[in-house]
Amino acid sequence: MGMNRFVEKLNLSRIEGSYIKLLNHIEKQPLIIIDDFGLTPLKDQVRIAMLQVLEDRYGKRSTIITSQLPVNRWHQYINEPTLADAIMDRLSGSAHCFEIKGELLRKKTIEKN
């Protein structure tokens, strides 16, 4: 799911009183993919939720995060040193990082049409 959708689900679950249920559901998924990380500023609640999700899954389940923001700028993007350290620690503990370069695939699709 996209980062924006992830944030919307977190916010809605807080309003509905199902936040812990959502976190438990996310924890049990064999793989989650968070797309477009780094597009919009993170609020405190989202930073804390990200840390919780990553902590729950660390060493147990797979998580893929895609971003157009270079990994070396993620700490700055998270913008809260203590939480950024904790989040990056969970992300980098056993991570595989792939940097893809080249033309955008969407651009090629548009040109073909």
PDB file of N, CA and C in Angstrom:
ATOM      1  N   MET A   1       0.840  -1.170   0.000  1.00  0.00           N
ATOM      2  CA  MET A   1       0.000   0.000   0.000  1.00  0.00           C
ATOM      3  C   MET A   1       0.882   1.228   0.000  1.00  0.00           C
ATOM      4  N   GLY A   2       0.382   2.302  -0.516  1.00  0.00           N
ATOM      5  CA  GLY A   2       1.122   3.547  -0.521  1.00  0.00           C
ATOM      6  C   GLY A   2       1.224   4.130   0.887  1.00  0.00           C
ATOM      7  N   MET A   3       2.254   4.919   1.126  1.00  0.00           N
ATOM      8  CA  MET A   3       2.459   5.533   2.434  1.00  0.00           C
ATOM      9  C   MET A   3       1.252   6.372   2.838  1.00  0.00           C
ATOM     10  N   ASN A   4       0.686   7.110   1.883  1.00  0.00           N
ATOM     11  CA  ASN A   4      -0.480   7.945   2.208  1.00  0.00           C
ATOM     12  C   ASN A   4      -1.656   7.095   2.668  1.00  0.00           C
ATOM     13  N   ARG A   5      -1.886   5.971   2.003  1.00  0.00           N
ATOM     14  CA  ARG A   5      -2.980   5.067   2.396  1.00  0.00           C
ATOM     15  C   ARG A   5      -2.694   4.459   3.774  1.00  0.00           C
ATOM     16  N   PHE A   6      -1.436   4.111   4.008  1.00  0.00           N
ATOM     17  CA  PHE A   6      -1.029   3.569   5.299  1.00  0.00           C
ATOM     18  C   PHE A   6      -1.350   4.568   6.417  1.00  0.00           C
ATOM     19  N   VAL A   7      -1.003   5.829   6.199  1.00  0.00           N
ATOM     20  CA  VAL A   7      -1.269   6.875   7.189  1.00  0.00           C
ATOM     21  C   VAL A   7      -2.772   7.047   7.397  1.00  0.00           C
ATOM     22  N   GLU A   8      -3.537   7.029   6.302  1.00  0.00           N
ATOM     23  CA  GLU A   8      -5.000   7.141   6.413  1.00  0.00           C
ATOM     24  C   GLU A   8      -5.576   6.003   7.239  1.00  0.00           C
ATOM     25  N   LYS A   9      -5.109   4.775   7.004  1.00  0.00           N
ATOM     26  CA  LYS A   9      -5.593   3.618   7.770  1.00  0.00           C
ATOM     27  C   LYS A   9      -5.250   3.759   9.243  1.00  0.00           C
ATOM     28  N   LEU A  10      -4.047   4.224   9.540  1.00  0.00           N
ATOM     29  CA  LEU A  10      -3.660   4.433  10.936  1.00  0.00           C
ATOM     30  C   LEU A  10      -4.561   5.462  11.602  1.00  0.00           C
ATOM     31  N   ASN A  11      -4.782   6.579  10.924  1.00  0.00           N
ATOM     32  CA  ASN A  11      -5.623   7.640  11.485  1.00  0.00           C
ATOM     33  C   ASN A  11      -7.059   7.172  11.699  1.00  0.00           C
ATOM     34  N   LEU A  12      -7.617   6.484  10.718  1.00  0.00           N
ATOM     35  CA  LEU A  12      -8.986   5.989  10.832  1.00  0.00           C
ATOM     36  C   LEU A  12      -9.107   4.968  11.964  1.00  0.00           C
ATOM     37  N   SER A  13      -8.115   4.111  12.100  1.00  0.00           N
ATOM     38  CA  SER A  13      -8.172   3.101  13.160  1.00  0.00           C
ATOM     39  C   SER A  13      -8.131   3.746  14.547  1.00  0.00           C
ATOM     40  N   ARG A  14      -7.422   4.857  14.677  1.00  0.00           N
ATOM     41  CA  ARG A  14      -7.411   5.578  15.958  1.00  0.00           C
ATOM     42  C   ARG A  14      -8.800   6.135  16.260  1.00  0.00           C
ATOM     43  N   ILE A  15      -9.417   6.714  15.246  1.00  0.00           N
ATOM     44  CA  ILE A  15     -10.752   7.288  15.416  1.00  0.00           C
ATOM     45  C   ILE A  15     -11.765   6.202  15.778  1.00  0.00           C
ATOM     46  N   GLU A  16     -11.668   5.062  15.114  1.00  0.00           N
ATOM     47  CA  GLU A  16     -12.622   3.963  15.326  1.00  0.00           C
ATOM     48  C   GLU A  16     -12.305   3.120  16.562  1.00  0.00           C
ATOM     49  N   GLY A  17     -11.150   3.339  17.160  1.00  0.00           N
ATOM     50  CA  GLY A  17     -10.768   2.555  18.328  1.00  0.00           C
ATOM     51  C   GLY A  17     -10.207   1.185  17.990  1.00  0.00           C
ATOM     52  N   SER A  18      -9.735   1.016  16.759  1.00  0.00           N
ATOM     53  CA  SER A  18      -9.218  -0.284  16.332  1.00  0.00           C
ATOM     54  C   SER A  18      -7.716  -0.237  16.011  1.00  0.00           C
ATOM     55  N   TYR A  19      -7.018   0.714  16.592  1.00  0.00           N
ATOM     56  CA  TYR A  19      -5.595   0.918  16.307  1.00  0.00           C
ATOM     57  C   TYR A  19      -4.762  -0.322  16.652  1.00  0.00           C
ATOM     58  N   ILE A  20      -4.951  -0.861  17.852  1.00  0.00           N
ATOM     59  CA  ILE A  20      -4.187  -2.043  18.276  1.00  0.00           C
ATOM     60  C   ILE A  20      -4.534  -3.230  17.384  1.00  0.00           C
ATOM     61  N   LYS A  21      -5.795  -3.360  17.024  1.00  0.00           N
ATOM     62  CA  LYS A  21      -6.214  -4.447  16.129  1.00  0.00           C
ATOM     63  C   LYS A  21      -5.508  -4.327  14.781  1.00  0.00           C
ATOM     64  N   LEU A  22      -5.404  -3.107  14.242  1.00  0.00           N
ATOM     65  CA  LEU A  22      -4.706  -2.891  12.973  1.00  0.00           C
ATOM     66  C   LEU A  22      -3.226  -3.248  13.109  1.00  0.00           C
ATOM     67  N   LEU A  23      -2.582  -2.799  14.179  1.00  0.00           N
ATOM     68  CA  LEU A  23      -1.170  -3.125  14.390  1.00  0.00           C
ATOM     69  C   LEU A  23      -0.967  -4.636  14.477  1.00  0.00           C
ATOM     70  N   ASN A  24      -1.857  -5.315  15.170  1.00  0.00           N
ATOM     71  CA  ASN A  24      -1.762  -6.778  15.269  1.00  0.00           C
ATOM     72  C   ASN A  24      -1.944  -7.437  13.908  1.00  0.00           C
ATOM     73  N   HIS A  25      -2.850  -6.912  13.108  1.00  0.00           N
ATOM     74  CA  HIS A  25      -3.077  -7.441  11.761  1.00  0.00           C
ATOM     75  C   HIS A  25      -1.828  -7.252  10.890  1.00  0.00           C
ATOM     76  N   ILE A  26      -1.258  -6.069  10.930  1.00  0.00           N
ATOM     77  CA  ILE A  26      -0.051  -5.774  10.145  1.00  0.00           C
ATOM     78  C   ILE A  26       1.095  -6.671  10.589  1.00  0.00           C
ATOM     79  N   GLU A  27       1.221  -6.883  11.890  1.00  0.00           N
ATOM     80  CA  GLU A  27       2.308  -7.707  12.423  1.00  0.00           C
ATOM     81  C   GLU A  27       2.253  -9.132  11.882  1.00  0.00           C
ATOM     82  N   LYS A  28       1.064  -9.661  11.649  1.00  0.00           N
ATOM     83  CA  LYS A  28       0.902 -11.060  11.235  1.00  0.00           C
ATOM     84  C   LYS A  28       1.081 -11.291   9.741  1.00  0.00           C
ATOM     85  N   GLN A  29       1.088 -10.223   8.950  1.00  0.00           N
ATOM     86  CA  GLN A  29       1.211 -10.393   7.504  1.00  0.00           C
ATOM     87  C   GLN A  29       2.622 -10.860   7.144  1.00  0.00           C
ATOM     88  N   PRO A  30       2.743 -11.866   6.256  1.00  0.00           N
ATOM     89  CA  PRO A  30       4.074 -12.360   5.905  1.00  0.00           C
ATOM     90  C   PRO A  30       4.935 -11.301   5.204  1.00  0.00           C
ATOM     91  N   LEU A  31       4.296 -10.394   4.491  1.00  0.00           N
ATOM     92  CA  LEU A  31       5.009  -9.338   3.777  1.00  0.00           C
ATOM     93  C   LEU A  31       4.133  -8.102   3.727  1.00  0.00           C
ATOM     94  N   ILE A  32       4.712  -6.964   4.052  1.00  0.00           N
ATOM     95  CA  ILE A  32       4.026  -5.692   3.790  1.00  0.00           C
ATOM     96  C   ILE A  32       4.938  -4.855   2.908  1.00  0.00           C
ATOM     97  N   ILE A  33       4.309  -4.091   2.040  1.00  0.00           N
ATOM     98  CA  ILE A  33       5.036  -3.194   1.145  1.00  0.00           C
ATOM     99  C   ILE A  33       4.484  -1.799   1.369  1.00  0.00           C
ATOM    100  N   ILE A  34       5.361  -0.885   1.725  1.00  0.00           N
ATOM    101  CA  ILE A  34       4.983   0.509   1.884  1.00  0.00           C
ATOM    102  C   ILE A  34       5.646   1.268   0.745  1.00  0.00           C
ATOM    103  N   ASP A  35       4.827   1.782  -0.137  1.00  0.00           N
ATOM    104  CA  ASP A  35       5.293   2.455  -1.345  1.00  0.00           C
ATOM    105  C   ASP A  35       5.304   3.965  -1.134  1.00  0.00           C
ATOM    106  N   ASP A  36       6.181   4.642  -1.826  1.00  0.00           N
ATOM    107  CA  ASP A  36       6.257   6.109  -1.819  1.00  0.00           C
ATOM    108  C   ASP A  36       6.577   6.699  -0.454  1.00  0.00           C
ATOM    109  N   PHE A  37       7.436   6.041   0.294  1.00  0.00           N
ATOM    110  CA  PHE A  37       7.907   6.582   1.570  1.00  0.00           C
ATOM    111  C   PHE A  37       8.665   7.869   1.295  1.00  0.00           C
ATOM    112  N   GLY A  38       8.360   8.906   2.051  1.00  0.00           N
ATOM    113  CA  GLY A  38       9.107  10.158   1.933  1.00  0.00           C
ATOM    114  C   GLY A  38       8.465  11.230   1.089  1.00  0.00           C
ATOM    115  N   LEU A  39       7.230  11.019   0.649  1.00  0.00           N
ATOM    116  CA  LEU A  39       6.588  12.030  -0.203  1.00  0.00           C
ATOM    117  C   LEU A  39       5.998  13.201   0.580  1.00  0.00           C
ATOM    118  N   THR A  40       5.462  12.916   1.761  1.00  0.00           N
ATOM    119  CA  THR A  40       4.849  13.965   2.573  1.00  0.00           C
ATOM    120  C   THR A  40       5.458  13.941   3.973  1.00  0.00           C
ATOM    121  N   PRO A  41       5.477  15.086   4.652  1.00  0.00           N
ATOM    122  CA  PRO A  41       6.064  15.129   6.001  1.00  0.00           C
ATOM    123  C   PRO A  41       5.374  14.150   6.952  1.00  0.00           C
ATOM    124  N   LEU A  42       6.162  13.589   7.866  1.00  0.00           N
ATOM    125  CA  LEU A  42       5.631  12.649   8.847  1.00  0.00           C
ATOM    126  C   LEU A  42       5.213  13.394  10.113  1.00  0.00           C
ATOM    127  N   LYS A  43       4.041  13.087  10.600  1.00  0.00           N
ATOM    128  CA  LYS A  43       3.593  13.625  11.877  1.00  0.00           C
ATOM    129  C   LYS A  43       4.071  12.690  12.982  1.00  0.00           C
ATOM    130  N   ASP A  44       4.082  13.189  14.224  1.00  0.00           N
ATOM    131  CA  ASP A  44       4.582  12.405  15.353  1.00  0.00           C
ATOM    132  C   ASP A  44       3.908  11.046  15.464  1.00  0.00           C
ATOM    133  N   GLN A  45       2.582  11.011  15.338  1.00  0.00           N
ATOM    134  CA  GLN A  45       1.861   9.747  15.483  1.00  0.00           C
ATOM    135  C   GLN A  45       2.276   8.735  14.420  1.00  0.00           C
ATOM    136  N   VAL A  46       2.574   9.208  13.231  1.00  0.00           N
ATOM    137  CA  VAL A  46       2.983   8.299  12.153  1.00  0.00           C
ATOM    138  C   VAL A  46       4.385   7.763  12.420  1.00  0.00           C
ATOM    139  N   ARG A  47       5.276   8.617  12.897  1.00  0.00           N
ATOM    140  CA  ARG A  47       6.625   8.159  13.234  1.00  0.00           C
ATOM    141  C   ARG A  47       6.570   7.062  14.292  1.00  0.00           C
ATOM    142  N   ILE A  48       5.760   7.286  15.319  1.00  0.00           N
ATOM    143  CA  ILE A  48       5.631   6.304  16.397  1.00  0.00           C
ATOM    144  C   ILE A  48       5.008   5.015  15.868  1.00  0.00           C
ATOM    145  N   ALA A  49       3.996   5.130  15.010  1.00  0.00           N
ATOM    146  CA  ALA A  49       3.358   3.941  14.423  1.00  0.00           C
ATOM    147  C   ALA A  49       4.345   3.174  13.549  1.00  0.00           C
ATOM    148  N   MET A  50       5.140   3.890  12.757  1.00  0.00           N
ATOM    149  CA  MET A  50       6.154   3.226  11.923  1.00  0.00           C
ATOM    150  C   MET A  50       7.123   2.431  12.791  1.00  0.00           C
ATOM    151  N   LEU A  51       7.574   3.054  13.871  1.00  0.00           N
ATOM    152  CA  LEU A  51       8.481   2.358  14.775  1.00  0.00           C
ATOM    153  C   LEU A  51       7.808   1.112  15.349  1.00  0.00           C
ATOM    154  N   GLN A  52       6.569   1.236  15.755  1.00  0.00           N
ATOM    155  CA  GLN A  52       5.852   0.090  16.334  1.00  0.00           C
ATOM    156  C   GLN A  52       5.705  -1.041  15.320  1.00  0.00           C
ATOM    157  N   VAL A  53       5.313  -0.696  14.099  1.00  0.00           N
ATOM    158  CA  VAL A  53       5.157  -1.708  13.048  1.00  0.00           C
ATOM    159  C   VAL A  53       6.491  -2.411  12.782  1.00  0.00           C
ATOM    160  N   LEU A  54       7.543  -1.632  12.641  1.00  0.00           N
ATOM    161  CA  LEU A  54       8.856  -2.220  12.354  1.00  0.00           C
ATOM    162  C   LEU A  54       9.367  -3.045  13.527  1.00  0.00           C
ATOM    163  N   GLU A  55       9.122  -2.579  14.731  1.00  0.00           N
ATOM    164  CA  GLU A  55       9.536  -3.329  15.925  1.00  0.00           C
ATOM    165  C   GLU A  55       8.803  -4.663  16.005  1.00  0.00           C
ATOM    166  N   ASP A  56       7.495  -4.639  15.765  1.00  0.00           N
ATOM    167  CA  ASP A  56       6.691  -5.864  15.813  1.00  0.00           C
ATOM    168  C   ASP A  56       7.146  -6.888  14.776  1.00  0.00           C
ATOM    169  N   ARG A  57       7.597  -6.428  13.627  1.00  0.00           N
ATOM    170  CA  ARG A  57       7.935  -7.316  12.518  1.00  0.00           C
ATOM    171  C   ARG A  57       9.419  -7.700  12.495  1.00  0.00           C
ATOM    172  N   TYR A  58      10.239  -6.981  13.242  1.00  0.00           N
ATOM    173  CA  TYR A  58      11.690  -7.152  13.172  1.00  0.00           C
ATOM    174  C   TYR A  58      12.101  -8.605  13.435  1.00  0.00           C
ATOM    175  N   GLY A  59      12.797  -9.171  12.481  1.00  0.00           N
ATOM    176  CA  GLY A  59      13.307 -10.532  12.603  1.00  0.00           C
ATOM    177  C   GLY A  59      12.261 -11.622  12.420  1.00  0.00           C
ATOM    178  N   LYS A  60      11.009 -11.234  12.160  1.00  0.00           N
ATOM    179  CA  LYS A  60       9.929 -12.217  12.037  1.00  0.00           C
ATOM    180  C   LYS A  60       9.273 -12.216  10.665  1.00  0.00           C
ATOM    181  N   ARG A  61       9.081 -11.049  10.100  1.00  0.00           N
ATOM    182  CA  ARG A  61       8.343 -10.900   8.849  1.00  0.00           C
ATOM    183  C   ARG A  61       9.110  -9.940   7.925  1.00  0.00           C
ATOM    184  N   SER A  62       8.760  -9.993   6.644  1.00  0.00           N
ATOM    185  CA  SER A  62       9.429  -9.146   5.653  1.00  0.00           C
ATOM    186  C   SER A  62       8.672  -7.844   5.431  1.00  0.00           C
ATOM    187  N   THR A  63       9.440  -6.795   5.241  1.00  0.00           N
ATOM    188  CA  THR A  63       8.884  -5.475   4.971  1.00  0.00           C
ATOM    189  C   THR A  63       9.671  -4.867   3.823  1.00  0.00           C
ATOM    190  N   ILE A  64       8.960  -4.378   2.825  1.00  0.00           N
ATOM    191  CA  ILE A  64       9.594  -3.689   1.704  1.00  0.00           C
ATOM    192  C   ILE A  64       9.129  -2.234   1.750  1.00  0.00           C
ATOM    193  N   ILE A  65      10.089  -1.345   1.658  1.00  0.00           N
ATOM    194  CA  ILE A  65       9.767   0.085   1.604  1.00  0.00           C
ATOM    195  C   ILE A  65      10.372   0.627   0.327  1.00  0.00           C
ATOM    196  N   THR A  66       9.538   1.272  -0.478  1.00  0.00           N
ATOM    197  CA  THR A  66      10.036   1.901  -1.702  1.00  0.00           C
ATOM    198  C   THR A  66       9.984   3.409  -1.530  1.00  0.00           C
ATOM    199  N   SER A  67      10.906   4.077  -2.169  1.00  0.00           N
ATOM    200  CA  SER A  67      10.980   5.527  -2.026  1.00  0.00           C
ATOM    201  C   SER A  67      11.787   6.123  -3.164  1.00  0.00           C
ATOM    202  N   GLN A  68      11.428   7.315  -3.534  1.00  0.00           N
ATOM    203  CA  GLN A  68      12.259   8.068  -4.461  1.00  0.00           C
ATOM    204  C   GLN A  68      13.278   8.912  -3.698  1.00  0.00           C
ATOM    205  N   LEU A  69      13.121   8.939  -2.390  1.00  0.00           N
ATOM    206  CA  LEU A  69      14.045   9.655  -1.512  1.00  0.00           C
ATOM    207  C   LEU A  69      15.233   8.739  -1.208  1.00  0.00           C
ATOM    208  N   PRO A  70      16.454   9.182  -1.463  1.00  0.00           N
ATOM    209  CA  PRO A  70      17.619   8.328  -1.191  1.00  0.00           C
ATOM    210  C   PRO A  70      17.673   7.919   0.286  1.00  0.00           C
ATOM    211  N   VAL A  71      18.067   6.703   0.539  1.00  0.00           N
ATOM    212  CA  VAL A  71      18.108   6.169   1.905  1.00  0.00           C
ATOM    213  C   VAL A  71      18.945   7.053   2.827  1.00  0.00           C
ATOM    214  N   ASN A  72      20.015   7.636   2.310  1.00  0.00           N
ATOM    215  CA  ASN A  72      20.858   8.472   3.164  1.00  0.00           C
ATOM    216  C   ASN A  72      20.162   9.758   3.612  1.00  0.00           C
ATOM    217  N   ARG A  73      18.950  10.018   3.116  1.00  0.00           N
ATOM    218  CA  ARG A  73      18.172  11.195   3.548  1.00  0.00           C
ATOM    219  C   ARG A  73      16.956  10.805   4.403  1.00  0.00           C
ATOM    220  N   TRP A  74      16.765   9.516   4.653  1.00  0.00           N
ATOM    221  CA  TRP A  74      15.610   9.072   5.433  1.00  0.00           C
ATOM    222  C   TRP A  74      15.663   9.578   6.865  1.00  0.00           C
ATOM    223  N   HIS A  75      16.841   9.548   7.480  1.00  0.00           N
ATOM    224  CA  HIS A  75      16.973  10.020   8.859  1.00  0.00           C
ATOM    225  C   HIS A  75      16.515  11.471   8.959  1.00  0.00           C
ATOM    226  N   GLN A  76      16.974  12.291   8.043  1.00  0.00           N
ATOM    227  CA  GLN A  76      16.593  13.701   8.010  1.00  0.00           C
ATOM    228  C   GLN A  76      15.096  13.842   7.752  1.00  0.00           C
ATOM    229  N   TYR A  77      14.541  13.026   6.868  1.00  0.00           N
ATOM    230  CA  TYR A  77      13.116  13.068   6.541  1.00  0.00           C
ATOM    231  C   TYR A  77      12.260  12.729   7.761  1.00  0.00           C
ATOM    232  N   ILE A  78      12.665  11.726   8.521  1.00  0.00           N
ATOM    233  CA  ILE A  78      11.902  11.334   9.717  1.00  0.00           C
ATOM    234  C   ILE A  78      11.862  12.495  10.700  1.00  0.00           C
ATOM    235  N   ASN A  79      12.929  13.275  10.759  1.00  0.00           N
ATOM    236  CA  ASN A  79      12.940  14.588  11.394  1.00  0.00           C
ATOM    237  C   ASN A  79      12.688  14.573  12.898  1.00  0.00           C
ATOM    238  N   GLU A  80      13.064  13.539  13.562  1.00  0.00           N
ATOM    239  CA  GLU A  80      13.036  13.472  15.034  1.00  0.00           C
ATOM    240  C   GLU A  80      14.146  12.502  15.390  1.00  0.00           C
ATOM    241  N   PRO A  81      15.277  13.017  15.857  1.00  0.00           N
ATOM    242  CA  PRO A  81      16.495  12.204  15.974  1.00  0.00           C
ATOM    243  C   PRO A  81      16.339  10.865  16.702  1.00  0.00           C
ATOM    244  N   THR A  82      15.681  10.843  17.835  1.00  0.00           N
ATOM    245  CA  THR A  82      15.573   9.596  18.600  1.00  0.00           C
ATOM    246  C   THR A  82      14.740   8.567  17.850  1.00  0.00           C
ATOM    247  N   LEU A  83      13.586   8.989  17.339  1.00  0.00           N
ATOM    248  CA  LEU A  83      12.738   8.072  16.573  1.00  0.00           C
ATOM    249  C   LEU A  83      13.402   7.672  15.260  1.00  0.00           C
ATOM    250  N   ALA A  84      14.085   8.610  14.631  1.00  0.00           N
ATOM    251  CA  ALA A  84      14.782   8.308  13.377  1.00  0.00           C
ATOM    252  C   ALA A  84      15.851   7.247  13.615  1.00  0.00           C
ATOM    253  N   ASP A  85      16.610   7.377  14.708  1.00  0.00           N
ATOM    254  CA  ASP A  85      17.623   6.365  15.036  1.00  0.00           C
ATOM    255  C   ASP A  85      16.980   4.994  15.217  1.00  0.00           C
ATOM    256  N   ALA A  86      15.877   4.954  15.957  1.00  0.00           N
ATOM    257  CA  ALA A  86      15.207   3.682  16.241  1.00  0.00           C
ATOM    258  C   ALA A  86      14.620   3.069  14.967  1.00  0.00           C
ATOM    259  N   ILE A  87      13.966   3.887  14.156  1.00  0.00           N
ATOM    260  CA  ILE A  87      13.368   3.390  12.906  1.00  0.00           C
ATOM    261  C   ILE A  87      14.452   2.889  11.958  1.00  0.00           C
ATOM    262  N   MET A  88      15.491   3.683  11.778  1.00  0.00           N
ATOM    263  CA  MET A  88      16.562   3.294  10.861  1.00  0.00           C
ATOM    264  C   MET A  88      17.296   2.048  11.360  1.00  0.00           C
ATOM    265  N   ASP A  89      17.410   1.896  12.682  1.00  0.00           N
ATOM    266  CA  ASP A  89      18.038   0.698  13.241  1.00  0.00           C
ATOM    267  C   ASP A  89      17.238  -0.544  12.864  1.00  0.00           C
ATOM    268  N   ARG A  90      15.916  -0.473  12.970  1.00  0.00           N
ATOM    269  CA  ARG A  90      15.081  -1.629  12.626  1.00  0.00           C
ATOM    270  C   ARG A  90      15.065  -1.888  11.123  1.00  0.00           C
ATOM    271  N   LEU A  91      15.153  -0.826  10.353  1.00  0.00           N
ATOM    272  CA  LEU A  91      15.170  -0.989   8.899  1.00  0.00           C
ATOM    273  C   LEU A  91      16.499  -1.538   8.395  1.00  0.00           C
ATOM    274  N   SER A  92      17.574  -1.125   8.987  1.00  0.00           N
ATOM    275  CA  SER A  92      18.882  -1.501   8.453  1.00  0.00           C
ATOM    276  C   SER A  92      19.460  -2.759   9.080  1.00  0.00           C
ATOM    277  N   GLY A  93      18.842  -3.275  10.129  1.00  0.00           N
ATOM    278  CA  GLY A  93      19.374  -4.433  10.841  1.00  0.00           C
ATOM    279  C   GLY A  93      19.685  -5.619   9.946  1.00  0.00           C
ATOM    280  N   SER A  94      18.774  -5.970   9.090  1.00  0.00           N
ATOM    281  CA  SER A  94      19.004  -7.096   8.168  1.00  0.00           C
ATOM    282  C   SER A  94      18.470  -6.737   6.782  1.00  0.00           C
ATOM    283  N   ALA A  95      18.647  -5.488   6.413  1.00  0.00           N
ATOM    284  CA  ALA A  95      18.077  -4.973   5.165  1.00  0.00           C
ATOM    285  C   ALA A  95      18.938  -5.281   3.951  1.00  0.00           C
ATOM    286  N   HIS A  96      18.262  -5.332   2.838  1.00  0.00           N
ATOM    287  CA  HIS A  96      18.905  -5.363   1.526  1.00  0.00           C
ATOM    288  C   HIS A  96      18.440  -4.097   0.822  1.00  0.00           C
ATOM    289  N   CYS A  97      19.372  -3.302   0.399  1.00  0.00           N
ATOM    290  CA  CYS A  97      19.025  -2.021  -0.233  1.00  0.00           C
ATOM    291  C   CYS A  97      19.368  -2.091  -1.719  1.00  0.00           C
ATOM    292  N   PHE A  98      18.387  -1.734  -2.530  1.00  0.00           N
ATOM    293  CA  PHE A  98      18.576  -1.719  -3.979  1.00  0.00           C
ATOM    294  C   PHE A  98      18.294  -0.321  -4.480  1.00  0.00           C
ATOM    295  N   GLU A  99      19.252   0.253  -5.175  1.00  0.00           N
ATOM    296  CA  GLU A  99      19.046   1.555  -5.784  1.00  0.00           C
ATOM    297  C   GLU A  99      18.876   1.326  -7.278  1.00  0.00           C
ATOM    298  N   ILE A 100      17.732   1.733  -7.770  1.00  0.00           N
ATOM    299  CA  ILE A 100      17.419   1.527  -9.179  1.00  0.00           C
ATOM    300  C   ILE A 100      17.568   2.857  -9.899  1.00  0.00           C
ATOM    301  N   LYS A 101      18.297   2.835 -10.981  1.00  0.00           N
ATOM    302  CA  LYS A 101      18.504   4.055 -11.764  1.00  0.00           C
ATOM    303  C   LYS A 101      17.965   3.827 -13.163  1.00  0.00           C
ATOM    304  N   GLY A 102      17.686   4.907 -13.831  1.00  0.00           N
ATOM    305  CA  GLY A 102      17.192   4.802 -15.201  1.00  0.00           C
ATOM    306  C   GLY A 102      15.907   5.591 -15.363  1.00  0.00           C
ATOM    307  N   GLU A 103      15.339   5.455 -16.549  1.00  0.00           N
ATOM    308  CA  GLU A 103      14.105   6.170 -16.838  1.00  0.00           C
ATOM    309  C   GLU A 103      12.948   5.611 -16.031  1.00  0.00           C
ATOM    310  N   LEU A 104      11.981   6.470 -15.789  1.00  0.00           N
ATOM    311  CA  LEU A 104      10.777   6.048 -15.096  1.00  0.00           C
ATOM    312  C   LEU A 104       9.948   5.137 -15.994  1.00  0.00           C
ATOM    313  N   LEU A 105       9.457   4.048 -15.440  1.00  0.00           N
ATOM    314  CA  LEU A 105       8.625   3.125 -16.215  1.00  0.00           C
ATOM    315  C   LEU A 105       7.314   3.782 -16.636  1.00  0.00           C
ATOM    316  N   ARG A 106       6.746   4.625 -15.790  1.00  0.00           N
ATOM    317  CA  ARG A 106       5.494   5.302 -16.143  1.00  0.00           C
ATOM    318  C   ARG A 106       5.685   6.197 -17.362  1.00  0.00           C
ATOM    319  N   LYS A 107       6.852   6.798 -17.454  1.00  0.00           N
ATOM    320  CA  LYS A 107       7.140   7.654 -18.602  1.00  0.00           C
ATOM    321  C   LYS A 107       7.150   6.825 -19.885  1.00  0.00           C
ATOM    322  N   LYS A 108       7.745   5.647 -19.842  1.00  0.00           N
ATOM    323  CA  LYS A 108       7.787   4.771 -21.012  1.00  0.00           C
ATOM    324  C   LYS A 108       6.386   4.326 -21.406  1.00  0.00           C
ATOM    325  N   THR A 109       5.540   4.019 -20.426  1.00  0.00           N
ATOM    326  CA  THR A 109       4.170   3.598 -20.704  1.00  0.00           C
ATOM    327  C   THR A 109       3.381   4.726 -21.362  1.00  0.00           C
ATOM    328  N   ILE A 110       3.540   5.929 -20.890  1.00  0.00           N
ATOM    329  CA  ILE A 110       2.837   7.072 -21.467  1.00  0.00           C
ATOM    330  C   ILE A 110       3.292   7.321 -22.908  1.00  0.00           C
ATOM    331  N   GLU A 111       4.599   7.205 -23.147  1.00  0.00           N
ATOM    332  CA  GLU A 111       5.133   7.425 -24.496  1.00  0.00           C
ATOM    333  C   GLU A 111       4.607   6.379 -25.488  1.00  0.00           C
ATOM    334  N   LYS A 112       4.379   5.145 -25.037  1.00  0.00           N
ATOM    335  CA  LYS A 112       3.883   4.094 -25.904  1.00  0.00           C
ATOM    336  C   LYS A 112       2.438   4.339 -26.306  1.00  0.00           C
ATOM    337  N   ASN A 113       1.676   4.956 -25.420  1.00  0.00           N
ATOM    338  CA  ASN A 113       0.255   5.204 -25.701  1.00  0.00           C
ATOM    339  C   ASN A 113       0.153   6.447 -26.523  1.00  0.00           C
TER     340      ASN A 113
END
